[in-house]
Amino acid sequence: MSDITILTAPPFSTLCNAAFALRREVFVWEQKVPETEENDADDLTATHFVAILEGDVVGTLRLLDKPEHTKIGRVAVRAAFRGRGIAKALMLAAMEYAKARGRARFYLTAQSDKLGFYERLGFAAFGPEFQDGGMPHRAMRSYDRDTAVLS
């Protein structure tokens, strides 16, 4: 998608605050995730990404560097802009950003109905399904794929 701009946004900058507002819109209002679960201390140390289209922040995600991998989370796209490749563009940009910093092992927890999207980006689900924010999720990783899939 050529007209989308992906940027990093420092915590609590104007862009990042727009990302937080988008997350609230998607997770709290639309998906009914409790606001106390949506916001956490990881926002202070995460690298936040925003997707800008038509002058507005329409997508976001965050990266957290952990010892064993980089965790991707809080992937959100405004409802009116879904289906345009924004989440894919965000994911690819964030993974390239991490790889450029020597981080090539990625982990995330995906809403169970989104597994196919992440599988197409090279992730494999593992472990049992669990509830997070009132929705079923699975853990996924981009590394050790042959041992990731557990029944």
N, C-alpha and C. Protein backbone atom coordinates (compact mmCIF):
# COMPACT_ATOMS: atom_id res chain seq x y z
N MET A 1 0.85 -1.17 0.00
CA MET A 1 0.00 0.00 0.00
C MET A 1 0.90 1.23 0.00
N SER A 2 0.87 1.99 -1.05
CA SER A 2 1.84 3.07 -1.23
C SER A 2 1.47 4.35 -0.50
N ASP A 3 0.22 4.56 -0.18
CA ASP A 3 -0.17 5.83 0.43
C ASP A 3 -0.20 5.78 1.95
N ILE A 4 0.28 4.72 2.53
CA ILE A 4 0.33 4.59 3.98
C ILE A 4 1.72 4.96 4.47
N THR A 5 1.78 5.63 5.60
CA THR A 5 3.05 5.98 6.22
C THR A 5 3.12 5.26 7.56
N ILE A 6 4.23 4.56 7.81
CA ILE A 6 4.45 3.87 9.09
C ILE A 6 5.57 4.61 9.81
N LEU A 7 5.31 5.01 11.04
CA LEU A 7 6.29 5.74 11.85
C LEU A 7 6.37 5.13 13.25
N THR A 8 7.52 5.30 13.90
CA THR A 8 7.59 5.01 15.32
C THR A 8 7.12 6.27 16.05
N ALA A 9 6.55 6.06 17.22
CA ALA A 9 6.00 7.18 18.00
C ALA A 9 6.44 7.05 19.44
N PRO A 10 7.21 8.00 19.96
CA PRO A 10 7.65 7.93 21.36
C PRO A 10 6.44 7.91 22.30
N PRO A 11 6.54 7.17 23.42
CA PRO A 11 5.42 7.14 24.36
C PRO A 11 4.96 8.55 24.74
N PHE A 12 3.66 8.74 24.67
CA PHE A 12 2.98 9.97 25.08
C PHE A 12 3.28 11.17 24.19
N SER A 13 3.88 10.92 23.01
CA SER A 13 3.95 11.97 22.00
C SER A 13 2.54 12.14 21.42
N THR A 14 2.35 13.16 20.62
CA THR A 14 1.05 13.37 19.98
C THR A 14 0.64 12.16 19.16
N LEU A 15 1.58 11.61 18.39
CA LEU A 15 1.27 10.42 17.58
C LEU A 15 0.94 9.22 18.45
N CYS A 16 1.71 9.03 19.51
CA CYS A 16 1.46 7.88 20.38
C CYS A 16 0.13 8.04 21.11
N ASN A 17 -0.19 9.24 21.51
CA ASN A 17 -1.49 9.46 22.15
C ASN A 17 -2.63 9.14 21.18
N ALA A 18 -2.44 9.45 19.89
CA ALA A 18 -3.44 9.08 18.89
C ALA A 18 -3.53 7.56 18.77
N ALA A 19 -2.39 6.87 18.90
CA ALA A 19 -2.39 5.40 18.88
C ALA A 19 -3.14 4.85 20.10
N PHE A 20 -2.90 5.45 21.27
CA PHE A 20 -3.61 5.00 22.47
C PHE A 20 -5.12 5.21 22.31
N ALA A 21 -5.51 6.32 21.72
CA ALA A 21 -6.94 6.58 21.48
C ALA A 21 -7.52 5.54 20.52
N LEU A 22 -6.76 5.18 19.49
CA LEU A 22 -7.21 4.16 18.55
C LEU A 22 -7.34 2.81 19.25
N ARG A 23 -6.38 2.46 20.07
CA ARG A 23 -6.47 1.21 20.82
C ARG A 23 -7.71 1.19 21.70
N ARG A 24 -7.99 2.31 22.36
CA ARG A 24 -9.20 2.39 23.20
C ARG A 24 -10.45 2.17 22.33
N GLU A 25 -10.48 2.81 21.17
CA GLU A 25 -11.61 2.67 20.25
C GLU A 25 -11.82 1.21 19.85
N VAL A 26 -10.73 0.54 19.46
CA VAL A 26 -10.83 -0.83 18.96
C VAL A 26 -11.03 -1.84 20.10
N PHE A 27 -10.17 -1.79 21.09
CA PHE A 27 -10.20 -2.83 22.12
C PHE A 27 -11.28 -2.58 23.18
N VAL A 28 -11.38 -1.37 23.70
CA VAL A 28 -12.31 -1.09 24.80
C VAL A 28 -13.73 -0.90 24.28
N TRP A 29 -13.90 -0.02 23.32
CA TRP A 29 -15.26 0.28 22.86
C TRP A 29 -15.81 -0.81 21.96
N GLU A 30 -15.02 -1.22 20.96
CA GLU A 30 -15.53 -2.19 19.98
C GLU A 30 -15.51 -3.62 20.52
N GLN A 31 -14.38 -4.03 21.13
CA GLN A 31 -14.24 -5.42 21.54
C GLN A 31 -14.54 -5.65 23.02
N LYS A 32 -14.85 -4.59 23.74
CA LYS A 32 -15.27 -4.67 25.15
C LYS A 32 -14.19 -5.20 26.09
N VAL A 33 -12.92 -4.95 25.77
CA VAL A 33 -11.82 -5.30 26.67
C VAL A 33 -11.84 -4.29 27.82
N PRO A 34 -11.74 -4.74 29.07
CA PRO A 34 -11.70 -3.78 30.18
C PRO A 34 -10.52 -2.82 30.02
N GLU A 35 -10.76 -1.54 30.22
CA GLU A 35 -9.71 -0.54 30.03
C GLU A 35 -8.51 -0.80 30.93
N THR A 36 -8.75 -1.38 32.10
CA THR A 36 -7.65 -1.68 33.02
C THR A 36 -6.73 -2.76 32.45
N GLU A 37 -7.23 -3.60 31.52
CA GLU A 37 -6.40 -4.61 30.87
C GLU A 37 -5.72 -4.07 29.62
N GLU A 38 -6.33 -3.07 28.99
CA GLU A 38 -5.79 -2.52 27.74
C GLU A 38 -4.54 -1.70 27.99
N ASN A 39 -4.53 -0.89 29.00
CA ASN A 39 -3.37 -0.05 29.32
C ASN A 39 -2.52 -0.76 30.37
N ASP A 40 -1.20 -0.74 30.17
CA ASP A 40 -0.32 -1.35 31.15
C ASP A 40 1.03 -0.65 31.15
N ALA A 41 1.87 -1.01 32.09
CA ALA A 41 3.17 -0.37 32.25
C ALA A 41 4.09 -0.62 31.05
N ASP A 42 3.84 -1.66 30.26
CA ASP A 42 4.68 -1.92 29.09
C ASP A 42 4.63 -0.78 28.08
N ASP A 43 3.57 0.02 28.11
CA ASP A 43 3.49 1.15 27.18
C ASP A 43 4.62 2.15 27.41
N LEU A 44 5.18 2.17 28.61
CA LEU A 44 6.25 3.11 28.91
C LEU A 44 7.58 2.73 28.26
N THR A 45 7.78 1.43 28.01
CA THR A 45 9.06 0.95 27.47
C THR A 45 8.95 0.39 26.06
N ALA A 46 7.75 0.26 25.55
CA ALA A 46 7.54 -0.30 24.21
C ALA A 46 7.98 0.67 23.12
N THR A 47 8.26 0.10 21.96
CA THR A 47 8.41 0.90 20.75
C THR A 47 7.05 0.87 20.06
N HIS A 48 6.43 2.03 19.92
CA HIS A 48 5.09 2.13 19.34
C HIS A 48 5.20 2.50 17.86
N PHE A 49 4.35 1.87 17.06
CA PHE A 49 4.28 2.14 15.63
C PHE A 49 2.88 2.65 15.30
N VAL A 50 2.81 3.58 14.37
CA VAL A 50 1.52 4.06 13.90
C VAL A 50 1.49 3.98 12.38
N ALA A 51 0.31 3.72 11.86
CA ALA A 51 0.05 3.77 10.42
C ALA A 51 -0.81 5.00 10.17
N ILE A 52 -0.34 5.85 9.28
CA ILE A 52 -1.05 7.08 8.97
C ILE A 52 -1.56 6.99 7.53
N LEU A 53 -2.83 7.24 7.36
CA LEU A 53 -3.47 7.20 6.06
C LEU A 53 -4.48 8.33 6.02
N GLU A 54 -4.49 9.06 4.94
CA GLU A 54 -5.43 10.17 4.79
C GLU A 54 -5.33 11.15 5.96
N GLY A 55 -4.10 11.31 6.49
CA GLY A 55 -3.84 12.28 7.54
C GLY A 55 -4.20 11.85 8.95
N ASP A 56 -4.67 10.62 9.11
CA ASP A 56 -5.08 10.14 10.43
C ASP A 56 -4.32 8.88 10.82
N VAL A 57 -4.15 8.68 12.13
CA VAL A 57 -3.62 7.42 12.65
C VAL A 57 -4.74 6.39 12.54
N VAL A 58 -4.53 5.39 11.69
CA VAL A 58 -5.57 4.38 11.43
C VAL A 58 -5.15 2.99 11.88
N GLY A 59 -3.90 2.85 12.33
CA GLY A 59 -3.42 1.56 12.80
C GLY A 59 -2.28 1.75 13.77
N THR A 60 -2.07 0.74 14.61
CA THR A 60 -0.99 0.81 15.59
C THR A 60 -0.59 -0.58 16.05
N LEU A 61 0.61 -0.68 16.57
CA LEU A 61 1.07 -1.86 17.31
C LEU A 61 2.25 -1.43 18.16
N ARG A 62 2.67 -2.33 19.04
CA ARG A 62 3.85 -2.03 19.86
C ARG A 62 4.77 -3.24 19.88
N LEU A 63 6.06 -2.95 20.08
CA LEU A 63 7.09 -3.98 20.24
C LEU A 63 7.66 -3.88 21.64
N LEU A 64 7.88 -5.03 22.25
CA LEU A 64 8.53 -5.12 23.56
C LEU A 64 9.70 -6.08 23.44
N ASP A 65 10.90 -5.59 23.76
CA ASP A 65 12.07 -6.46 23.75
C ASP A 65 12.12 -7.26 25.04
N LYS A 66 12.06 -8.57 24.90
CA LYS A 66 12.19 -9.50 26.01
C LYS A 66 13.49 -10.27 25.80
N PRO A 67 14.04 -10.90 26.83
CA PRO A 67 15.31 -11.62 26.63
C PRO A 67 15.24 -12.68 25.52
N GLU A 68 14.13 -13.42 25.45
CA GLU A 68 14.05 -14.55 24.53
C GLU A 68 13.49 -14.20 23.16
N HIS A 69 12.81 -13.07 23.03
CA HIS A 69 12.19 -12.68 21.76
C HIS A 69 11.68 -11.24 21.85
N THR A 70 11.21 -10.75 20.72
CA THR A 70 10.51 -9.47 20.68
C THR A 70 9.02 -9.77 20.63
N LYS A 71 8.29 -9.19 21.55
CA LYS A 71 6.84 -9.43 21.61
C LYS A 71 6.11 -8.33 20.85
N ILE A 72 5.26 -8.75 19.94
CA ILE A 72 4.41 -7.83 19.18
C ILE A 72 3.05 -7.83 19.85
N GLY A 73 2.49 -6.65 20.07
CA GLY A 73 1.18 -6.60 20.71
C GLY A 73 0.39 -5.36 20.36
N ARG A 74 -0.85 -5.39 20.82
CA ARG A 74 -1.77 -4.27 20.66
C ARG A 74 -1.92 -3.86 19.19
N VAL A 75 -2.00 -4.87 18.31
CA VAL A 75 -2.20 -4.61 16.89
C VAL A 75 -3.66 -4.20 16.69
N ALA A 76 -3.86 -3.00 16.18
CA ALA A 76 -5.23 -2.49 16.01
C ALA A 76 -5.31 -1.64 14.74
N VAL A 77 -6.42 -1.80 14.03
CA VAL A 77 -6.72 -0.99 12.85
C VAL A 77 -8.15 -0.49 12.99
N ARG A 78 -8.35 0.79 12.75
CA ARG A 78 -9.70 1.38 12.81
C ARG A 78 -10.61 0.62 11.86
N ALA A 79 -11.83 0.33 12.32
CA ALA A 79 -12.78 -0.52 11.59
C ALA A 79 -12.96 -0.08 10.13
N ALA A 80 -13.11 1.21 9.89
CA ALA A 80 -13.38 1.71 8.54
C ALA A 80 -12.20 1.51 7.58
N PHE A 81 -11.02 1.17 8.12
CA PHE A 81 -9.82 1.03 7.29
C PHE A 81 -9.34 -0.41 7.19
N ARG A 82 -10.07 -1.36 7.74
CA ARG A 82 -9.66 -2.77 7.68
C ARG A 82 -9.79 -3.30 6.26
N GLY A 83 -8.99 -4.31 5.97
CA GLY A 83 -9.03 -4.93 4.65
C GLY A 83 -8.19 -4.21 3.62
N ARG A 84 -7.40 -3.24 4.04
CA ARG A 84 -6.56 -2.48 3.10
C ARG A 84 -5.07 -2.80 3.26
N GLY A 85 -4.74 -3.81 4.05
CA GLY A 85 -3.34 -4.20 4.22
C GLY A 85 -2.59 -3.40 5.27
N ILE A 86 -3.30 -2.64 6.09
CA ILE A 86 -2.64 -1.79 7.09
C ILE A 86 -1.97 -2.62 8.17
N ALA A 87 -2.65 -3.62 8.70
CA ALA A 87 -2.05 -4.46 9.74
C ALA A 87 -0.82 -5.18 9.20
N LYS A 88 -0.89 -5.68 7.98
CA LYS A 88 0.26 -6.36 7.38
C LYS A 88 1.42 -5.39 7.23
N ALA A 89 1.15 -4.18 6.73
CA ALA A 89 2.21 -3.18 6.57
C ALA A 89 2.85 -2.85 7.92
N LEU A 90 2.03 -2.70 8.96
CA LEU A 90 2.55 -2.43 10.30
C LEU A 90 3.43 -3.57 10.79
N MET A 91 2.95 -4.79 10.65
CA MET A 91 3.70 -5.96 11.11
C MET A 91 5.04 -6.06 10.39
N LEU A 92 5.04 -5.92 9.08
CA LEU A 92 6.28 -6.04 8.33
C LEU A 92 7.25 -4.92 8.70
N ALA A 93 6.75 -3.70 8.84
CA ALA A 93 7.63 -2.58 9.22
C ALA A 93 8.23 -2.79 10.61
N ALA A 94 7.40 -3.25 11.55
CA ALA A 94 7.88 -3.46 12.92
C ALA A 94 8.91 -4.57 12.97
N MET A 95 8.68 -5.67 12.23
CA MET A 95 9.64 -6.77 12.23
C MET A 95 10.94 -6.35 11.56
N GLU A 96 10.87 -5.57 10.50
CA GLU A 96 12.09 -5.07 9.86
C GLU A 96 12.87 -4.15 10.81
N TYR A 97 12.16 -3.31 11.53
CA TYR A 97 12.77 -2.41 12.52
C TYR A 97 13.53 -3.24 13.56
N ALA A 98 12.88 -4.28 14.08
CA ALA A 98 13.52 -5.13 15.09
C ALA A 98 14.71 -5.89 14.50
N LYS A 99 14.55 -6.43 13.31
CA LYS A 99 15.64 -7.18 12.66
C LYS A 99 16.86 -6.29 12.45
N ALA A 100 16.63 -5.02 12.10
CA ALA A 100 17.74 -4.08 11.91
C ALA A 100 18.49 -3.84 13.21
N ARG A 101 17.88 -4.19 14.33
CA ARG A 101 18.50 -4.04 15.64
C ARG A 101 18.92 -5.39 16.23
N GLY A 102 19.02 -6.40 15.34
CA GLY A 102 19.50 -7.71 15.76
C GLY A 102 18.47 -8.59 16.45
N ARG A 103 17.20 -8.24 16.33
CA ARG A 103 16.13 -9.00 16.99
C ARG A 103 15.29 -9.69 15.91
N ALA A 104 15.41 -11.01 15.79
CA ALA A 104 14.72 -11.73 14.71
C ALA A 104 13.76 -12.81 15.21
N ARG A 105 13.56 -12.90 16.52
CA ARG A 105 12.64 -13.89 17.09
C ARG A 105 11.41 -13.14 17.59
N PHE A 106 10.24 -13.47 17.02
CA PHE A 106 9.02 -12.73 17.34
C PHE A 106 7.98 -13.63 17.98
N TYR A 107 7.26 -13.06 18.92
CA TYR A 107 6.22 -13.75 19.69
C TYR A 107 5.02 -12.81 19.78
N LEU A 108 3.83 -13.38 19.81
CA LEU A 108 2.62 -12.60 20.03
C LEU A 108 1.53 -13.51 20.56
N THR A 109 0.50 -12.92 21.08
CA THR A 109 -0.71 -13.67 21.39
C THR A 109 -1.80 -13.09 20.49
N ALA A 110 -2.44 -13.98 19.74
CA ALA A 110 -3.41 -13.57 18.73
C ALA A 110 -4.82 -13.96 19.13
N GLN A 111 -5.76 -13.09 18.83
CA GLN A 111 -7.15 -13.49 18.95
C GLN A 111 -7.34 -14.69 18.03
N SER A 112 -8.03 -15.70 18.51
CA SER A 112 -8.10 -16.98 17.79
C SER A 112 -8.64 -16.83 16.37
N ASP A 113 -9.52 -15.87 16.14
CA ASP A 113 -10.06 -15.70 14.79
C ASP A 113 -9.08 -14.98 13.86
N LYS A 114 -7.92 -14.58 14.36
CA LYS A 114 -6.90 -13.90 13.54
C LYS A 114 -5.68 -14.78 13.27
N LEU A 115 -5.73 -16.05 13.65
CA LEU A 115 -4.56 -16.93 13.50
C LEU A 115 -4.07 -16.99 12.05
N GLY A 116 -4.99 -17.09 11.10
CA GLY A 116 -4.61 -17.20 9.69
C GLY A 116 -3.80 -16.00 9.22
N PHE A 117 -4.17 -14.82 9.66
CA PHE A 117 -3.44 -13.61 9.30
C PHE A 117 -1.98 -13.72 9.73
N TYR A 118 -1.76 -14.11 10.98
CA TYR A 118 -0.40 -14.20 11.51
C TYR A 118 0.36 -15.38 10.91
N GLU A 119 -0.34 -16.48 10.60
CA GLU A 119 0.31 -17.61 9.95
C GLU A 119 0.87 -17.19 8.59
N ARG A 120 0.13 -16.36 7.86
CA ARG A 120 0.60 -15.88 6.56
C ARG A 120 1.84 -14.99 6.69
N LEU A 121 2.08 -14.47 7.89
CA LEU A 121 3.28 -13.67 8.15
C LEU A 121 4.42 -14.49 8.76
N GLY A 122 4.23 -15.82 8.82
CA GLY A 122 5.31 -16.70 9.26
C GLY A 122 5.23 -17.15 10.71
N PHE A 123 4.10 -16.93 11.38
CA PHE A 123 3.94 -17.34 12.77
C PHE A 123 3.26 -18.70 12.84
N ALA A 124 3.57 -19.44 13.90
CA ALA A 124 2.91 -20.72 14.17
C ALA A 124 2.33 -20.66 15.59
N ALA A 125 1.10 -21.15 15.73
CA ALA A 125 0.43 -21.18 17.03
C ALA A 125 0.99 -22.34 17.86
N PHE A 126 0.99 -22.17 19.17
CA PHE A 126 1.40 -23.25 20.07
C PHE A 126 0.68 -23.09 21.39
N GLY A 127 0.61 -24.18 22.11
CA GLY A 127 -0.04 -24.17 23.42
C GLY A 127 -1.55 -24.10 23.31
N PRO A 128 -2.21 -24.19 24.45
CA PRO A 128 -3.68 -24.20 24.46
C PRO A 128 -4.27 -22.81 24.22
N GLU A 129 -5.51 -22.81 23.82
CA GLU A 129 -6.25 -21.56 23.71
C GLU A 129 -6.50 -21.03 25.12
N PHE A 130 -6.49 -19.70 25.28
CA PHE A 130 -6.74 -19.09 26.59
C PHE A 130 -7.55 -17.81 26.39
N GLN A 131 -8.13 -17.34 27.47
CA GLN A 131 -8.92 -16.11 27.43
C GLN A 131 -8.05 -14.92 27.79
N ASP A 132 -8.17 -13.85 27.03
CA ASP A 132 -7.49 -12.59 27.32
C ASP A 132 -8.43 -11.48 26.90
N GLY A 133 -8.74 -10.58 27.82
CA GLY A 133 -9.65 -9.50 27.52
C GLY A 133 -11.04 -9.99 27.15
N GLY A 134 -11.39 -11.21 27.61
CA GLY A 134 -12.71 -11.77 27.33
C GLY A 134 -12.81 -12.47 25.99
N MET A 135 -11.68 -12.65 25.29
CA MET A 135 -11.70 -13.30 23.97
C MET A 135 -10.69 -14.43 23.94
N PRO A 136 -10.99 -15.50 23.15
CA PRO A 136 -10.03 -16.60 23.03
C PRO A 136 -8.80 -16.17 22.24
N HIS A 137 -7.62 -16.58 22.73
CA HIS A 137 -6.33 -16.26 22.13
C HIS A 137 -5.48 -17.51 22.04
N ARG A 138 -4.44 -17.45 21.19
CA ARG A 138 -3.39 -18.47 21.15
C ARG A 138 -2.05 -17.76 21.11
N ALA A 139 -1.06 -18.37 21.73
CA ALA A 139 0.32 -17.87 21.61
C ALA A 139 0.84 -18.27 20.24
N MET A 140 1.67 -17.40 19.66
CA MET A 140 2.26 -17.67 18.34
C MET A 140 3.70 -17.19 18.36
N ARG A 141 4.53 -17.83 17.53
CA ARG A 141 5.91 -17.39 17.40
C ARG A 141 6.38 -17.60 15.98
N SER A 142 7.41 -16.83 15.61
CA SER A 142 7.98 -16.91 14.27
C SER A 142 9.21 -17.79 14.21
N TYR A 143 9.67 -18.27 15.34
CA TYR A 143 10.89 -19.07 15.42
C TYR A 143 10.54 -20.46 15.96
N ASP A 144 11.44 -21.41 15.73
CA ASP A 144 11.21 -22.79 16.15
C ASP A 144 9.81 -23.25 15.74
N ARG A 145 9.48 -22.94 14.50
CA ARG A 145 8.13 -23.24 14.00
C ARG A 145 7.82 -24.74 14.01
N ASP A 146 8.82 -25.56 13.76
CA ASP A 146 8.56 -27.01 13.68
C ASP A 146 8.15 -27.57 15.04
N THR A 147 8.53 -26.93 16.13
CA THR A 147 8.12 -27.41 17.45
C THR A 147 7.01 -26.56 18.07
N ALA A 148 6.56 -25.54 17.32
CA ALA A 148 5.57 -24.63 17.90
C ALA A 148 4.17 -25.24 17.91
N VAL A 149 3.78 -25.91 16.86
CA VAL A 149 2.41 -26.36 16.74
C VAL A 149 2.17 -27.54 17.66
N LEU A 150 1.32 -27.34 18.62
CA LEU A 150 0.92 -28.38 19.56
C LEU A 150 -0.57 -28.57 19.46
N SER A 151 -1.03 -29.81 19.53
CA SER A 151 -2.46 -30.07 19.41
C SER A 151 -3.16 -29.88 20.73
